[in-house]
Each structure stands twice: as C-alpha cells, then as structure tokens.
Amino acid sequence: MCVGCGRRGGGRLLLPKSVRTAFPGLKVVIDLNAVPPLGIEGVEVTDKGKDRDGAIAYGAIGVGGTKMKIHKLAIARLFERNDQVLDAEQVYALGEGL
C-alpha cells in the first residue's frame, strides 16, 4: 500500500494526475496545500475521504478539522503535567480516540 502526502508552499503542483493514476497501489492521498494550484492534481481542498481514481483523498480543509482536534487534545494533555512529553505514537493514539 502506498500513501502520498503533498505539501509545498508557493502554489506548486507536486503530483500530476497522470503520475498519481499510474500507481494503482496508491491508496490514500493527502494534499495539505490550500493555495491554488493545489499540490496533488485532482484532489480538491475540501475532499474528506473522497474516492479520486481509486485512492481515498483528503484536501487541506478536509483534513484540517481533525488535525485541529488532535492539536487541541495534545495541548490539553501537555498542560496536565509540566514534565509531559508526547511522542508520535501518543499523538496518534489521541487521534484514534476521536
């Protein structure tokens, strides 16, 4: 399984649709760029789990709400103790609990 994630400032295309659709193993694409042109051609900024040519697509706004919920939970957790440190697995677990 392949997952593609695009994010590049300056409104530059990172992954053309012709390249993306040439990889049938690509299952998930996430474009974090909300400035046109989008980073992954064919993925809309508001996509949230939408099928795009056989891959599940998320755009910057589509993924943004979930991302902010995880951020808020992580910050709240950090304020519970002054020696608290969260690693990637712990932050991932917060997201799973949503």
C-alpha atoms as a PDB file:
ATOM      1  CA  MET A   1       0.000   0.000   0.000  1.00  0.00           C
ATOM      2  CA  CYS A   2       1.250   3.484  -0.826  1.00  0.00           C
ATOM      3  CA  VAL A   3       0.223   6.754   0.802  1.00  0.00           C
ATOM      4  CA  GLY A   4       1.004  10.102  -0.805  1.00  0.00           C
ATOM      5  CA  CYS A   5       1.075  13.364   1.086  1.00  0.00           C
ATOM      6  CA  GLY A   6       1.703  16.665  -0.643  1.00  0.00           C
ATOM      7  CA  ARG A   7       2.628  19.989   0.893  1.00  0.00           C
ATOM      8  CA  ARG A   8       4.612  22.691  -0.847  1.00  0.00           C
ATOM      9  CA  GLY A   9       4.404  26.426  -0.458  1.00  0.00           C
ATOM     10  CA  GLY A  10       4.081  28.783  -3.356  1.00  0.00           C
ATOM     11  CA  GLY A  11       1.207  27.012  -5.049  1.00  0.00           C
ATOM     12  CA  ARG A  12       3.279  24.475  -6.984  1.00  0.00           C
ATOM     13  CA  LEU A  13       1.952  21.224  -8.350  1.00  0.00           C
ATOM     14  CA  LEU A  14       3.788  18.285  -6.759  1.00  0.00           C
ATOM     15  CA  LEU A  15       1.910  15.295  -8.118  1.00  0.00           C
ATOM     16  CA  PRO A  16       0.244  15.494 -11.537  1.00  0.00           C
ATOM     17  CA  LYS A  17      -2.873  13.380 -12.023  1.00  0.00           C
ATOM     18  CA  SER A  18      -1.165  11.406 -14.807  1.00  0.00           C
ATOM     19  CA  VAL A  19       1.566  10.285 -12.406  1.00  0.00           C
ATOM     20  CA  ARG A  20      -0.838   9.661  -9.498  1.00  0.00           C
ATOM     21  CA  THR A  21      -3.168   7.463 -11.541  1.00  0.00           C
ATOM     22  CA  ALA A  22      -0.223   5.453 -12.931  1.00  0.00           C
ATOM     23  CA  PHE A  23       0.278   3.892  -9.457  1.00  0.00           C
ATOM     24  CA  PRO A  24      -2.645   1.536  -8.683  1.00  0.00           C
ATOM     25  CA  GLY A  25      -1.102   0.746  -5.271  1.00  0.00           C
ATOM     26  CA  LEU A  26      -1.621   4.337  -4.162  1.00  0.00           C
ATOM     27  CA  LYS A  27      -4.488   4.068  -1.673  1.00  0.00           C
ATOM     28  CA  VAL A  28      -4.524   7.417   0.159  1.00  0.00           C
ATOM     29  CA  VAL A  29      -3.557  10.929  -0.970  1.00  0.00           C
ATOM     30  CA  ILE A  30      -3.455  13.944   1.322  1.00  0.00           C
ATOM     31  CA  ASP A  31      -2.862  17.434  -0.055  1.00  0.00           C
ATOM     32  CA  LEU A  32      -2.051  19.875   2.733  1.00  0.00           C
ATOM     33  CA  ASN A  33      -1.694  22.819   0.365  1.00  0.00           C
ATOM     34  CA  ALA A  34      -4.778  25.045   0.260  1.00  0.00           C
ATOM     35  CA  VAL A  35      -3.292  27.612  -2.154  1.00  0.00           C
ATOM     36  CA  PRO A  36      -4.070  27.127  -5.849  1.00  0.00           C
ATOM     37  CA  PRO A  37      -2.770  25.336  -7.724  1.00  0.00           C
ATOM     38  CA  LEU A  38      -3.148  22.501  -5.266  1.00  0.00           C
ATOM     39  CA  GLY A  39      -0.199  20.183  -4.658  1.00  0.00           C
ATOM     40  CA  ILE A  40      -1.912  16.982  -5.851  1.00  0.00           C
ATOM     41  CA  GLU A  41      -3.788  17.412  -9.107  1.00  0.00           C
ATOM     42  CA  GLY A  42      -7.358  16.144  -8.953  1.00  0.00           C
ATOM     43  CA  VAL A  43      -7.681  16.450  -5.155  1.00  0.00           C
ATOM     44  CA  GLU A  44      -9.956  19.282  -4.035  1.00  0.00           C
ATOM     45  CA  VAL A  45      -9.176  21.358  -0.948  1.00  0.00           C
ATOM     46  CA  THR A  46     -12.442  20.209   0.695  1.00  0.00           C
ATOM     47  CA  ASP A  47     -12.068  16.479  -0.048  1.00  0.00           C
ATOM     48  CA  LYS A  48     -12.584  14.375   3.062  1.00  0.00           C
ATOM     49  CA  GLY A  49     -12.326  10.671   2.323  1.00  0.00           C
ATOM     50  CA  LYS A  50     -13.463  11.089  -1.287  1.00  0.00           C
ATOM     51  CA  ASP A  51     -12.578   8.471  -3.889  1.00  0.00           C
ATOM     52  CA  ARG A  52     -10.307  10.010  -6.503  1.00  0.00           C
ATOM     53  CA  ASP A  53      -9.426   7.486  -9.215  1.00  0.00           C
ATOM     54  CA  GLY A  54      -9.182   4.605  -6.742  1.00  0.00           C
ATOM     55  CA  ALA A  55      -7.377   6.494  -3.964  1.00  0.00           C
ATOM     56  CA  ILE A  56      -9.035   7.963  -0.885  1.00  0.00           C
ATOM     57  CA  ALA A  57      -8.369  11.716  -0.994  1.00  0.00           C
ATOM     58  CA  TYR A  58      -8.156  14.389   1.676  1.00  0.00           C
ATOM     59  CA  GLY A  59      -7.648  18.084   0.966  1.00  0.00           C
ATOM     60  CA  ALA A  60      -6.256  20.731   3.310  1.00  0.00           C
ATOM     61  CA  ILE A  61      -9.655  21.778   4.649  1.00  0.00           C
ATOM     62  CA  GLY A  62     -10.947  18.205   4.681  1.00  0.00           C
ATOM     63  CA  VAL A  63      -8.133  17.102   6.977  1.00  0.00           C
ATOM     64  CA  GLY A  64      -7.844  20.403   8.883  1.00  0.00           C
ATOM     65  CA  GLY A  65     -10.717  19.861  11.332  1.00  0.00           C
ATOM     66  CA  THR A  66      -9.365  16.510  12.504  1.00  0.00           C
ATOM     67  CA  LYS A  67      -5.847  17.923  12.705  1.00  0.00           C
ATOM     68  CA  MET A  68      -7.014  20.796  14.926  1.00  0.00           C
ATOM     69  CA  LYS A  69      -8.928  18.431  17.232  1.00  0.00           C
ATOM     70  CA  ILE A  70      -5.752  16.383  17.710  1.00  0.00           C
ATOM     71  CA  HIS A  71      -3.705  19.551  18.311  1.00  0.00           C
ATOM     72  CA  LYS A  72      -6.152  20.762  20.971  1.00  0.00           C
ATOM     73  CA  LEU A  73      -6.163  17.396  22.729  1.00  0.00           C
ATOM     74  CA  ALA A  74      -2.365  17.245  22.673  1.00  0.00           C
ATOM     75  CA  ILE A  75      -2.004  20.758  24.095  1.00  0.00           C
ATOM     76  CA  ALA A  76      -4.538  19.991  26.820  1.00  0.00           C
ATOM     77  CA  ARG A  77      -2.623  16.822  27.682  1.00  0.00           C
ATOM     78  CA  LEU A  78       0.650  18.780  27.879  1.00  0.00           C
ATOM     79  CA  PHE A  79      -0.898  21.124  30.466  1.00  0.00           C
ATOM     80  CA  GLU A  80      -1.860  18.231  32.744  1.00  0.00           C
ATOM     81  CA  ARG A  81       1.754  17.898  33.969  1.00  0.00           C
ATOM     82  CA  ASN A  82       4.758  20.136  33.495  1.00  0.00           C
ATOM     83  CA  ASP A  83       7.027  17.178  32.629  1.00  0.00           C
ATOM     84  CA  GLN A  84       4.708  15.759  29.957  1.00  0.00           C
ATOM     85  CA  VAL A  85       6.180  14.840  26.563  1.00  0.00           C
ATOM     86  CA  LEU A  86       4.109  13.346  23.745  1.00  0.00           C
ATOM     87  CA  ASP A  87       5.737  11.227  21.055  1.00  0.00           C
ATOM     88  CA  ALA A  88       4.232  10.401  17.655  1.00  0.00           C
ATOM     89  CA  GLU A  89       2.581   7.206  18.892  1.00  0.00           C
ATOM     90  CA  GLN A  90       0.875   9.028  21.759  1.00  0.00           C
ATOM     91  CA  VAL A  91      -0.399  11.784  19.461  1.00  0.00           C
ATOM     92  CA  TYR A  92      -1.619   9.106  17.038  1.00  0.00           C
ATOM     93  CA  ALA A  93      -3.493   7.417  19.899  1.00  0.00           C
ATOM     94  CA  LEU A  94      -5.200  10.748  20.679  1.00  0.00           C
ATOM     95  CA  GLY A  95      -6.422  10.876  17.088  1.00  0.00           C
ATOM     96  CA  GLU A  96      -7.682   7.297  17.226  1.00  0.00           C
ATOM     97  CA  GLY A  97      -9.785   8.224  20.249  1.00  0.00           C
ATOM     98  CA  LEU A  98     -11.727  10.924  18.367  1.00  0.00           C
END
